[in-house]
Every structure is written in C-alpha cells, then in structure tokens.
Amino acid sequence: MSLNLKTLRIISSRDELGRIPEGKTLINTIYAYSYVVAQKDSFFAEALTQCDYLIPDGAGIVKACRWVKAKCQPQKRIAGWDLFSFEMDNLERKSEMNTGEKRLKVMFLGSSEKVLSLIRERATADYPNLEVVTYSPPYKQEFSDEDNQAMIKAINDANPDLLWIGMTAPKQEKWTYHHWNELNIHCHCGTIGAVFDFYAGTVKRAPLWWQEHTLEWLFRLLMEPRRMWRRYIIGNAKFLYYIYKERKD
C-alpha cells in the first residue's frame, strides 16, 4: 500500500476538531515528509490511511490536495500544535466543571525524561485542573516485546482522558496503530512528535510571521541544518515528484 492524497480522509478545517466525537479515537497528522516516507513504507501508509482522523499539518499538503483534485480539500493547514492546544484547552474546561470530582488526566508517552519533566512543569501551570502523567520509553530504534508491553501497561494503568504519543514519525504512528487494539482507553489519542519539544521549550517553534507565510519548514531547516537538510531539501523534491506523479495517474 502507498499513500494517495486523492482518496485520503483529511480534516478540512479547524472547526471540525470540535466535531470529533468523544471516545477512543486515533488522530494522526500528515505533512510533506510523512507523505514521502509513506510511498515506500506500506505499514506507515496503512497507519495513516486507517486512523480515525488525519490532520493536514503542512501548507504543501493543503496545496497538493487542491492540485491533484483530492476527495478532501482542507482549507488551510492545521498544525500539530493547533490540535494539541485545542484538545488541552477542551480537557481543562471539562475538568474545571467537574466540581468535587477527580481531575481529568492527560498522558504524554514518548521523548526523554528531561523533556517530559519540562512538560509536566509547564502543563501543571498552564492547565491546573488536569492531572499530568508521563512515560519515557527506552531510546532505541526498535522496541523489544518487553518494552512494548511496558508501554501498553503504563497507558492502560493510567487510563487517561487524553493521550499524546511523541516518538517522531513514522515510529509513533506505526507503534500506535500496531498496538491500538491493546490500548484499553476511552479517549482521544494524538501522535504529535515535535510538539513535545515545542511545548517543553527544548526546540524553538518558528515565529508567527514564518508560520503565517508557510515557512515554518525553512525556519526549522535554518535552526537545525545538519539534522533537517535531508527532510526538507531532498524530501521536498521527492514530495513534488510524487505529487506530480499522482496528478498524472
């Protein structure tokens, strides 16, 4: 399986975030790099295709959907940060209204303990009505069966009201999709990778002007050229090639 923008079910506007029903729901993001990787990684393509909701986290995806005349035509980019802010604000309001009841719980699984400690500190201040739980998985390319079971157990034991997975793409999407049926949760789950670092403050997000002019990718490239040049220079060239190919098919 390879990814095809023409048939993907992509959320068209930010207003639709408020219409996602409660309950166990898997929300992924798609952007130029993930589209490119999914052309050669069939399981990643399946994970993106089969999730409940797909967020257009990239101006390139929005424009490409129009160019290839896709079934779903998102109006504008919805960043992973937008999804994060919307869900966190919504859960905070719900928890605040639960007068006399236990606070609602948000869980962050992924990243390092250093990043997670910064997230706990900031989230406690930003969302005082939420209980914040974190879990840092081992830093390795592939998890063992023991690692996977420990992560699944941590999620199920926490029984969160909102779950964030942050292990970079495509690892986070593939892991969550593969183990989805083993997660006994009742909440929204979003795979939001870089947002963990943005929120913790360990990676600087592009200033608003760069975001508004669809240049956030360039800002990240300038900030981390050695790590990002393949993704944004080679990756963007491949993205244009695959989109041109899809339009012709």
C-alpha atoms as a PDB file:
ATOM      1  CA  MET A   1       0.000   0.000   0.000  1.00  0.00           C
ATOM      2  CA  SER A   2       1.190   3.517  -0.832  1.00  0.00           C
ATOM      3  CA  LEU A   3      -0.407   6.780   0.167  1.00  0.00           C
ATOM      4  CA  ASN A   4      -2.777   8.528  -2.228  1.00  0.00           C
ATOM      5  CA  LEU A   5      -3.938  12.053  -1.435  1.00  0.00           C
ATOM      6  CA  LYS A   6      -6.898  11.750  -3.766  1.00  0.00           C
ATOM      7  CA  THR A   7      -8.639   9.245  -1.515  1.00  0.00           C
ATOM      8  CA  LEU A   8      -7.422  10.224   1.976  1.00  0.00           C
ATOM      9  CA  ARG A   9      -9.961  11.398   4.556  1.00  0.00           C
ATOM     10  CA  ILE A  10      -8.373  14.641   5.769  1.00  0.00           C
ATOM     11  CA  ILE A  11      -9.999  17.136   8.126  1.00  0.00           C
ATOM     12  CA  SER A  12     -10.891  20.217   6.100  1.00  0.00           C
ATOM     13  CA  SER A  13     -10.950  22.946   8.762  1.00  0.00           C
ATOM     14  CA  ARG A  14     -10.201  23.687  12.414  1.00  0.00           C
ATOM     15  CA  ASP A  15     -13.924  23.803  13.112  1.00  0.00           C
ATOM     16  CA  GLU A  16     -14.012  20.053  12.520  1.00  0.00           C
ATOM     17  CA  LEU A  17     -11.773  19.472  15.536  1.00  0.00           C
ATOM     18  CA  GLY A  18     -14.730  20.401  17.718  1.00  0.00           C
ATOM     19  CA  ARG A  19     -16.889  17.821  15.959  1.00  0.00           C
ATOM     20  CA  ILE A  20     -14.664  14.840  16.688  1.00  0.00           C
ATOM     21  CA  PRO A  21     -16.806  12.608  18.927  1.00  0.00           C
ATOM     22  CA  GLU A  22     -15.715  11.558  22.385  1.00  0.00           C
ATOM     23  CA  GLY A  23     -14.359   8.068  22.948  1.00  0.00           C
ATOM     24  CA  LYS A  24     -11.384   6.068  21.725  1.00  0.00           C
ATOM     25  CA  THR A  25     -10.149   7.978  18.679  1.00  0.00           C
ATOM     26  CA  LEU A  26      -6.796   7.918  16.856  1.00  0.00           C
ATOM     27  CA  ILE A  27      -5.698  11.241  15.334  1.00  0.00           C
ATOM     28  CA  ASN A  28      -2.589  11.490  13.133  1.00  0.00           C
ATOM     29  CA  THR A  29      -1.035  14.334  11.181  1.00  0.00           C
ATOM     30  CA  ILE A  30       0.165  14.353   7.595  1.00  0.00           C
ATOM     31  CA  TYR A  31       2.731  16.665   6.016  1.00  0.00           C
ATOM     32  CA  ALA A  32       5.119  16.554   3.061  1.00  0.00           C
ATOM     33  CA  TYR A  33       7.763  14.387   4.758  1.00  0.00           C
ATOM     34  CA  SER A  34       5.291  11.787   6.050  1.00  0.00           C
ATOM     35  CA  TYR A  35       3.655  11.622   2.602  1.00  0.00           C
ATOM     36  CA  VAL A  36       7.051  10.920   1.043  1.00  0.00           C
ATOM     37  CA  VAL A  37       8.032   8.271   3.606  1.00  0.00           C
ATOM     38  CA  ALA A  38       4.669   6.534   3.199  1.00  0.00           C
ATOM     39  CA  GLN A  39       5.315   5.999  -0.513  1.00  0.00           C
ATOM     40  CA  LYS A  40       7.948   3.393   0.381  1.00  0.00           C
ATOM     41  CA  ASP A  41       6.697   2.292   3.792  1.00  0.00           C
ATOM     42  CA  SER A  42       3.455   0.395   3.290  1.00  0.00           C
ATOM     43  CA  PHE A  43       2.754  -0.101   7.002  1.00  0.00           C
ATOM     44  CA  PHE A  44       3.154   3.623   7.630  1.00  0.00           C
ATOM     45  CA  ALA A  45       0.787   4.305   4.730  1.00  0.00           C
ATOM     46  CA  GLU A  46      -1.700   1.888   6.273  1.00  0.00           C
ATOM     47  CA  ALA A  47      -1.388   3.568   9.674  1.00  0.00           C
ATOM     48  CA  LEU A  48      -2.170   6.972   8.151  1.00  0.00           C
ATOM     49  CA  THR A  49      -4.971   5.653   5.965  1.00  0.00           C
ATOM     50  CA  GLN A  50      -6.713   3.655   8.697  1.00  0.00           C
ATOM     51  CA  CYS A  51      -6.641   6.185  11.558  1.00  0.00           C
ATOM     52  CA  ASP A  52      -9.871   7.885  12.585  1.00  0.00           C
ATOM     53  CA  TYR A  53      -8.839  11.448  11.698  1.00  0.00           C
ATOM     54  CA  LEU A  54      -5.973  12.898   9.694  1.00  0.00           C
ATOM     55  CA  ILE A  55      -4.810  16.489  10.265  1.00  0.00           C
ATOM     56  CA  PRO A  56      -3.207  18.466   7.371  1.00  0.00           C
ATOM     57  CA  ASP A  57      -0.063  19.652   9.175  1.00  0.00           C
ATOM     58  CA  GLY A  58       1.610  21.360   6.239  1.00  0.00           C
ATOM     59  CA  ALA A  59       0.793  24.000   3.635  1.00  0.00           C
ATOM     60  CA  GLY A  60       2.275  21.691   1.000  1.00  0.00           C
ATOM     61  CA  ILE A  61      -0.366  19.065   1.751  1.00  0.00           C
ATOM     62  CA  VAL A  62      -3.165  21.644   1.565  1.00  0.00           C
ATOM     63  CA  LYS A  63      -1.978  22.904  -1.831  1.00  0.00           C
ATOM     64  CA  ALA A  64      -1.298  19.402  -3.134  1.00  0.00           C
ATOM     65  CA  CYS A  65      -4.829  18.262  -2.270  1.00  0.00           C
ATOM     66  CA  ARG A  66      -6.200  21.033  -4.465  1.00  0.00           C
ATOM     67  CA  TRP A  67      -3.730  20.353  -7.265  1.00  0.00           C
ATOM     68  CA  VAL A  68      -4.464  16.621  -7.503  1.00  0.00           C
ATOM     69  CA  LYS A  69      -8.214  17.298  -7.022  1.00  0.00           C
ATOM     70  CA  ALA A  70      -8.392  15.165  -3.902  1.00  0.00           C
ATOM     71  CA  LYS A  71     -11.685  13.981  -2.419  1.00  0.00           C
ATOM     72  CA  CYS A  72     -10.986  16.026   0.737  1.00  0.00           C
ATOM     73  CA  GLN A  73      -9.865  19.623   0.264  1.00  0.00           C
ATOM     74  CA  PRO A  74      -8.540  21.148   3.512  1.00  0.00           C
ATOM     75  CA  GLN A  75      -8.983  24.912   3.649  1.00  0.00           C
ATOM     76  CA  LYS A  76      -5.720  25.633   5.457  1.00  0.00           C
ATOM     77  CA  ARG A  77      -3.002  23.988   7.462  1.00  0.00           C
ATOM     78  CA  ILE A  78      -3.836  22.646  10.920  1.00  0.00           C
ATOM     79  CA  ALA A  79      -0.571  22.213  12.809  1.00  0.00           C
ATOM     80  CA  GLY A  80       0.013  19.520  15.382  1.00  0.00           C
ATOM     81  CA  TRP A  81       0.309  22.408  17.837  1.00  0.00           C
ATOM     82  CA  ASP A  82      -3.233  23.528  16.928  1.00  0.00           C
ATOM     83  CA  LEU A  83      -4.570  20.060  17.680  1.00  0.00           C
ATOM     84  CA  PHE A  84      -2.629  19.964  20.944  1.00  0.00           C
ATOM     85  CA  SER A  85      -3.876  23.378  22.099  1.00  0.00           C
ATOM     86  CA  PHE A  86      -7.477  22.617  21.164  1.00  0.00           C
ATOM     87  CA  GLU A  87      -7.575  19.261  22.953  1.00  0.00           C
ATOM     88  CA  MET A  88      -5.752  20.517  26.059  1.00  0.00           C
ATOM     89  CA  ASP A  89      -7.981  23.593  26.410  1.00  0.00           C
ATOM     90  CA  ASN A  90     -11.071  21.443  25.938  1.00  0.00           C
ATOM     91  CA  LEU A  91      -9.996  18.920  28.575  1.00  0.00           C
ATOM     92  CA  GLU A  92      -9.088  21.716  31.003  1.00  0.00           C
ATOM     93  CA  ARG A  93     -12.600  23.169  30.674  1.00  0.00           C
ATOM     94  CA  LYS A  94     -14.192  19.776  31.254  1.00  0.00           C
ATOM     95  CA  SER A  95     -12.035  19.111  34.302  1.00  0.00           C
ATOM     96  CA  GLU A  96     -12.780  22.533  35.745  1.00  0.00           C
ATOM     97  CA  MET A  97     -16.510  21.806  35.541  1.00  0.00           C
ATOM     98  CA  ASN A  98     -16.081  18.503  37.421  1.00  0.00           C
ATOM     99  CA  THR A  99     -16.566  20.221  40.769  1.00  0.00           C
ATOM    100  CA  GLY A 100     -15.762  17.900  43.653  1.00  0.00           C
ATOM    101  CA  GLU A 101     -14.719  15.066  41.322  1.00  0.00           C
ATOM    102  CA  LYS A 102     -11.257  13.781  40.420  1.00  0.00           C
ATOM    103  CA  ARG A 103      -9.264  15.877  37.989  1.00  0.00           C
ATOM    104  CA  LEU A 104      -9.207  14.649  34.406  1.00  0.00           C
ATOM    105  CA  LYS A 105      -5.920  13.126  33.294  1.00  0.00           C
ATOM    106  CA  VAL A 106      -3.629  13.774  30.318  1.00  0.00           C
ATOM    107  CA  MET A 107      -0.771  11.409  29.487  1.00  0.00           C
ATOM    108  CA  PHE A 108       2.372  12.090  27.474  1.00  0.00           C
ATOM    109  CA  LEU A 109       4.192   8.978  26.218  1.00  0.00           C
ATOM    110  CA  GLY A 110       7.492   9.456  24.412  1.00  0.00           C
ATOM    111  CA  SER A 111      10.636  11.588  24.409  1.00  0.00           C
ATOM    112  CA  SER A 112      13.237  11.798  27.178  1.00  0.00           C
ATOM    113  CA  GLU A 113      12.681  12.209  30.893  1.00  0.00           C
ATOM    114  CA  LYS A 114      14.278  15.659  30.631  1.00  0.00           C
ATOM    115  CA  VAL A 115      11.686  16.802  28.075  1.00  0.00           C
ATOM    116  CA  LEU A 116       8.840  15.171  29.989  1.00  0.00           C
ATOM    117  CA  SER A 117       9.841  16.875  33.233  1.00  0.00           C
ATOM    118  CA  LEU A 118       9.662  20.248  31.460  1.00  0.00           C
ATOM    119  CA  ILE A 119       6.265  19.295  30.025  1.00  0.00           C
ATOM    120  CA  ARG A 120       4.973  18.347  33.471  1.00  0.00           C
ATOM    121  CA  GLU A 121       6.195  21.641  34.903  1.00  0.00           C
ATOM    122  CA  ARG A 122       4.613  23.777  32.179  1.00  0.00           C
ATOM    123  CA  ALA A 123       1.376  21.773  31.896  1.00  0.00           C
ATOM    124  CA  THR A 124       0.831  21.959  35.654  1.00  0.00           C
ATOM    125  CA  ALA A 125       0.946  25.748  35.403  1.00  0.00           C
ATOM    126  CA  ASP A 126      -0.998  26.072  32.125  1.00  0.00           C
ATOM    127  CA  TYR A 127      -3.662  23.509  32.989  1.00  0.00           C
ATOM    128  CA  PRO A 128      -4.053  23.487  36.788  1.00  0.00           C
ATOM    129  CA  ASN A 129      -7.206  21.365  36.650  1.00  0.00           C
ATOM    130  CA  LEU A 130      -5.500  18.474  34.873  1.00  0.00           C
ATOM    131  CA  GLU A 131      -3.503  15.603  36.284  1.00  0.00           C
ATOM    132  CA  VAL A 132      -0.375  15.118  34.155  1.00  0.00           C
ATOM    133  CA  VAL A 133       1.152  11.648  33.711  1.00  0.00           C
ATOM    134  CA  THR A 134       4.247  10.882  31.634  1.00  0.00           C
ATOM    135  CA  TYR A 135       6.182   7.840  30.444  1.00  0.00           C
ATOM    136  CA  SER A 136       9.579   7.850  28.735  1.00  0.00           C
ATOM    137  CA  PRO A 137      10.174   4.714  26.624  1.00  0.00           C
ATOM    138  CA  PRO A 138      13.698   3.370  26.011  1.00  0.00           C
ATOM    139  CA  TYR A 139      15.665   5.312  23.420  1.00  0.00           C
ATOM    140  CA  LYS A 140      16.252   2.709  20.717  1.00  0.00           C
ATOM    141  CA  GLN A 141      15.430   2.161  17.069  1.00  0.00           C
ATOM    142  CA  GLU A 142      13.185  -0.820  17.743  1.00  0.00           C
ATOM    143  CA  PHE A 143      11.383  -1.734  20.931  1.00  0.00           C
ATOM    144  CA  SER A 144      11.525  -5.239  22.361  1.00  0.00           C
ATOM    145  CA  ASP A 145       8.360  -7.141  23.267  1.00  0.00           C
ATOM    146  CA  GLU A 146       9.067  -6.281  26.900  1.00  0.00           C
ATOM    147  CA  ASP A 147       9.336  -2.575  26.014  1.00  0.00           C
ATOM    148  CA  ASN A 148       6.057  -2.654  24.133  1.00  0.00           C
ATOM    149  CA  GLN A 149       4.197  -4.428  26.895  1.00  0.00           C
ATOM    150  CA  ALA A 150       5.564  -1.997  29.494  1.00  0.00           C
ATOM    151  CA  MET A 151       4.353   0.969  27.414  1.00  0.00           C
ATOM    152  CA  ILE A 152       0.932  -0.583  26.862  1.00  0.00           C
ATOM    153  CA  LYS A 153       0.634  -1.356  30.580  1.00  0.00           C
ATOM    154  CA  ALA A 154       1.619   2.201  31.504  1.00  0.00           C
ATOM    155  CA  ILE A 155      -1.122   3.597  29.262  1.00  0.00           C
ATOM    156  CA  ASN A 156      -3.779   1.159  30.422  1.00  0.00           C
ATOM    157  CA  ASP A 157      -2.896   1.636  34.099  1.00  0.00           C
ATOM    158  CA  ALA A 158      -3.052   5.425  33.720  1.00  0.00           C
ATOM    159  CA  ASN A 159      -6.407   5.217  31.913  1.00  0.00           C
ATOM    160  CA  PRO A 160      -6.026   8.819  30.670  1.00  0.00           C
ATOM    161  CA  ASP A 161      -8.722  11.172  29.415  1.00  0.00           C
ATOM    162  CA  LEU A 162      -6.342  12.370  26.695  1.00  0.00           C
ATOM    163  CA  LEU A 163      -3.253  10.622  25.333  1.00  0.00           C
ATOM    164  CA  TRP A 164      -0.336  12.122  23.415  1.00  0.00           C
ATOM    165  CA  ILE A 165       2.286   9.944  21.681  1.00  0.00           C
ATOM    166  CA  GLY A 166       5.573  11.607  20.728  1.00  0.00           C
ATOM    167  CA  MET A 167       8.254   9.377  19.219  1.00  0.00           C
ATOM    168  CA  THR A 168       8.824  11.100  15.823  1.00  0.00           C
ATOM    169  CA  ALA A 169       7.356   9.954  12.517  1.00  0.00           C
ATOM    170  CA  PRO A 170       6.883   7.290  11.289  1.00  0.00           C
ATOM    171  CA  LYS A 171       7.695   5.433  14.513  1.00  0.00           C
ATOM    172  CA  GLN A 172       4.913   6.983  16.599  1.00  0.00           C
ATOM    173  CA  GLU A 173       2.155   6.384  14.043  1.00  0.00           C
ATOM    174  CA  LYS A 174       3.233   2.808  13.348  1.00  0.00           C
ATOM    175  CA  TRP A 175       3.592   1.928  17.034  1.00  0.00           C
ATOM    176  CA  THR A 176       0.212   3.375  17.979  1.00  0.00           C
ATOM    177  CA  TYR A 177      -1.587   1.763  15.044  1.00  0.00           C
ATOM    178  CA  HIS A 178       0.063  -1.616  15.645  1.00  0.00           C
ATOM    179  CA  HIS A 179      -0.907  -1.655  19.336  1.00  0.00           C
ATOM    180  CA  TRP A 180      -4.218   0.214  19.058  1.00  0.00           C
ATOM    181  CA  ASN A 181      -6.375  -2.783  19.945  1.00  0.00           C
ATOM    182  CA  GLU A 182      -4.258  -3.437  23.043  1.00  0.00           C
ATOM    183  CA  LEU A 183      -4.841   0.051  24.426  1.00  0.00           C
ATOM    184  CA  ASN A 184      -7.833  -0.080  26.745  1.00  0.00           C
ATOM    185  CA  ILE A 185      -8.516   3.637  26.648  1.00  0.00           C
ATOM    186  CA  HIS A 186     -11.663   5.726  26.234  1.00  0.00           C
ATOM    187  CA  CYS A 187     -10.095   8.945  24.941  1.00  0.00           C
ATOM    188  CA  HIS A 188      -8.606  10.823  22.015  1.00  0.00           C
ATOM    189  CA  CYS A 189      -5.031   9.859  21.148  1.00  0.00           C
ATOM    190  CA  GLY A 190      -2.841  12.125  19.020  1.00  0.00           C
ATOM    191  CA  THR A 191       0.596  11.424  17.552  1.00  0.00           C
ATOM    192  CA  ILE A 192       2.293  14.816  17.664  1.00  0.00           C
ATOM    193  CA  GLY A 193       6.076  14.235  17.770  1.00  0.00           C
ATOM    194  CA  ALA A 194       7.753  17.641  17.612  1.00  0.00           C
ATOM    195  CA  VAL A 195       5.053  19.283  19.749  1.00  0.00           C
ATOM    196  CA  PHE A 196       6.602  17.610  22.802  1.00  0.00           C
ATOM    197  CA  ASP A 197       9.812  19.580  22.213  1.00  0.00           C
ATOM    198  CA  PHE A 198       7.978  22.781  21.291  1.00  0.00           C
ATOM    199  CA  TYR A 199       5.897  22.670  24.441  1.00  0.00           C
ATOM    200  CA  ALA A 200       8.867  21.753  26.635  1.00  0.00           C
ATOM    201  CA  GLY A 201      10.866  24.613  25.101  1.00  0.00           C
ATOM    202  CA  THR A 202      13.774  22.376  24.063  1.00  0.00           C
ATOM    203  CA  VAL A 203      13.145  23.239  20.396  1.00  0.00           C
ATOM    204  CA  LYS A 204      12.072  26.715  19.324  1.00  0.00           C
ATOM    205  CA  ARG A 205       8.988  26.914  17.146  1.00  0.00           C
ATOM    206  CA  ALA A 206       9.036  29.328  14.218  1.00  0.00           C
ATOM    207  CA  PRO A 207       7.807  32.877  14.967  1.00  0.00           C
ATOM    208  CA  LEU A 208       4.256  33.692  13.899  1.00  0.00           C
ATOM    209  CA  TRP A 209       5.333  35.514  10.688  1.00  0.00           C
ATOM    210  CA  TRP A 210       7.102  32.388   9.436  1.00  0.00           C
ATOM    211  CA  GLN A 211       4.075  30.249  10.297  1.00  0.00           C
ATOM    212  CA  GLU A 212       1.628  32.588   8.561  1.00  0.00           C
ATOM    213  CA  HIS A 213       3.756  32.629   5.398  1.00  0.00           C
ATOM    214  CA  THR A 214       4.057  28.806   5.323  1.00  0.00           C
ATOM    215  CA  LEU A 215       7.790  28.975   6.031  1.00  0.00           C
ATOM    216  CA  GLU A 216       7.948  27.048   9.293  1.00  0.00           C
ATOM    217  CA  TRP A 217       9.841  24.279   7.496  1.00  0.00           C
ATOM    218  CA  LEU A 218      12.515  26.779   6.397  1.00  0.00           C
ATOM    219  CA  PHE A 219      12.877  28.099   9.942  1.00  0.00           C
ATOM    220  CA  ARG A 220      13.454  24.566  11.241  1.00  0.00           C
ATOM    221  CA  LEU A 221      15.973  23.939   8.461  1.00  0.00           C
ATOM    222  CA  LEU A 222      17.895  27.102   9.377  1.00  0.00           C
ATOM    223  CA  MET A 223      17.816  26.189  13.081  1.00  0.00           C
ATOM    224  CA  GLU A 224      18.903  22.568  12.590  1.00  0.00           C
ATOM    225  CA  PRO A 225      20.520  22.279   9.121  1.00  0.00           C
ATOM    226  CA  ARG A 226      22.549  19.129   9.842  1.00  0.00           C
ATOM    227  CA  ARG A 227      19.514  17.220  11.092  1.00  0.00           C
ATOM    228  CA  MET A 228      16.862  18.627   8.785  1.00  0.00           C
ATOM    229  CA  TRP A 229      18.501  19.097   5.382  1.00  0.00           C
ATOM    230  CA  ARG A 230      17.582  15.659   4.073  1.00  0.00           C
ATOM    231  CA  ARG A 231      13.961  16.018   5.181  1.00  0.00           C
ATOM    232  CA  TYR A 232      13.414  19.463   3.706  1.00  0.00           C
ATOM    233  CA  ILE A 233      15.708  19.609   0.674  1.00  0.00           C
ATOM    234  CA  ILE A 234      15.686  16.046  -0.631  1.00  0.00           C
ATOM    235  CA  GLY A 235      12.296  15.330   0.946  1.00  0.00           C
ATOM    236  CA  ASN A 236      10.590  18.357  -0.612  1.00  0.00           C
ATOM    237  CA  ALA A 237      11.970  17.468  -4.038  1.00  0.00           C
ATOM    238  CA  LYS A 238      10.586  13.937  -3.681  1.00  0.00           C
ATOM    239  CA  PHE A 239       7.271  15.362  -2.496  1.00  0.00           C
ATOM    240  CA  LEU A 240       6.909  17.412  -5.683  1.00  0.00           C
ATOM    241  CA  TYR A 241       7.794  14.359  -7.770  1.00  0.00           C
ATOM    242  CA  TYR A 242       5.233  12.099  -6.075  1.00  0.00           C
ATOM    243  CA  ILE A 243       2.514  14.751  -6.231  1.00  0.00           C
ATOM    244  CA  TYR A 244       3.162  15.296  -9.950  1.00  0.00           C
ATOM    245  CA  LYS A 245       3.024  11.529 -10.452  1.00  0.00           C
ATOM    246  CA  GLU A 246      -0.255  11.263  -8.536  1.00  0.00           C
ATOM    247  CA  ARG A 247      -1.837  14.067 -10.545  1.00  0.00           C
ATOM    248  CA  LYS A 248      -0.968  12.286 -13.798  1.00  0.00           C
ATOM    249  CA  ASP A 249      -2.338   8.899 -12.643  1.00  0.00           C
END
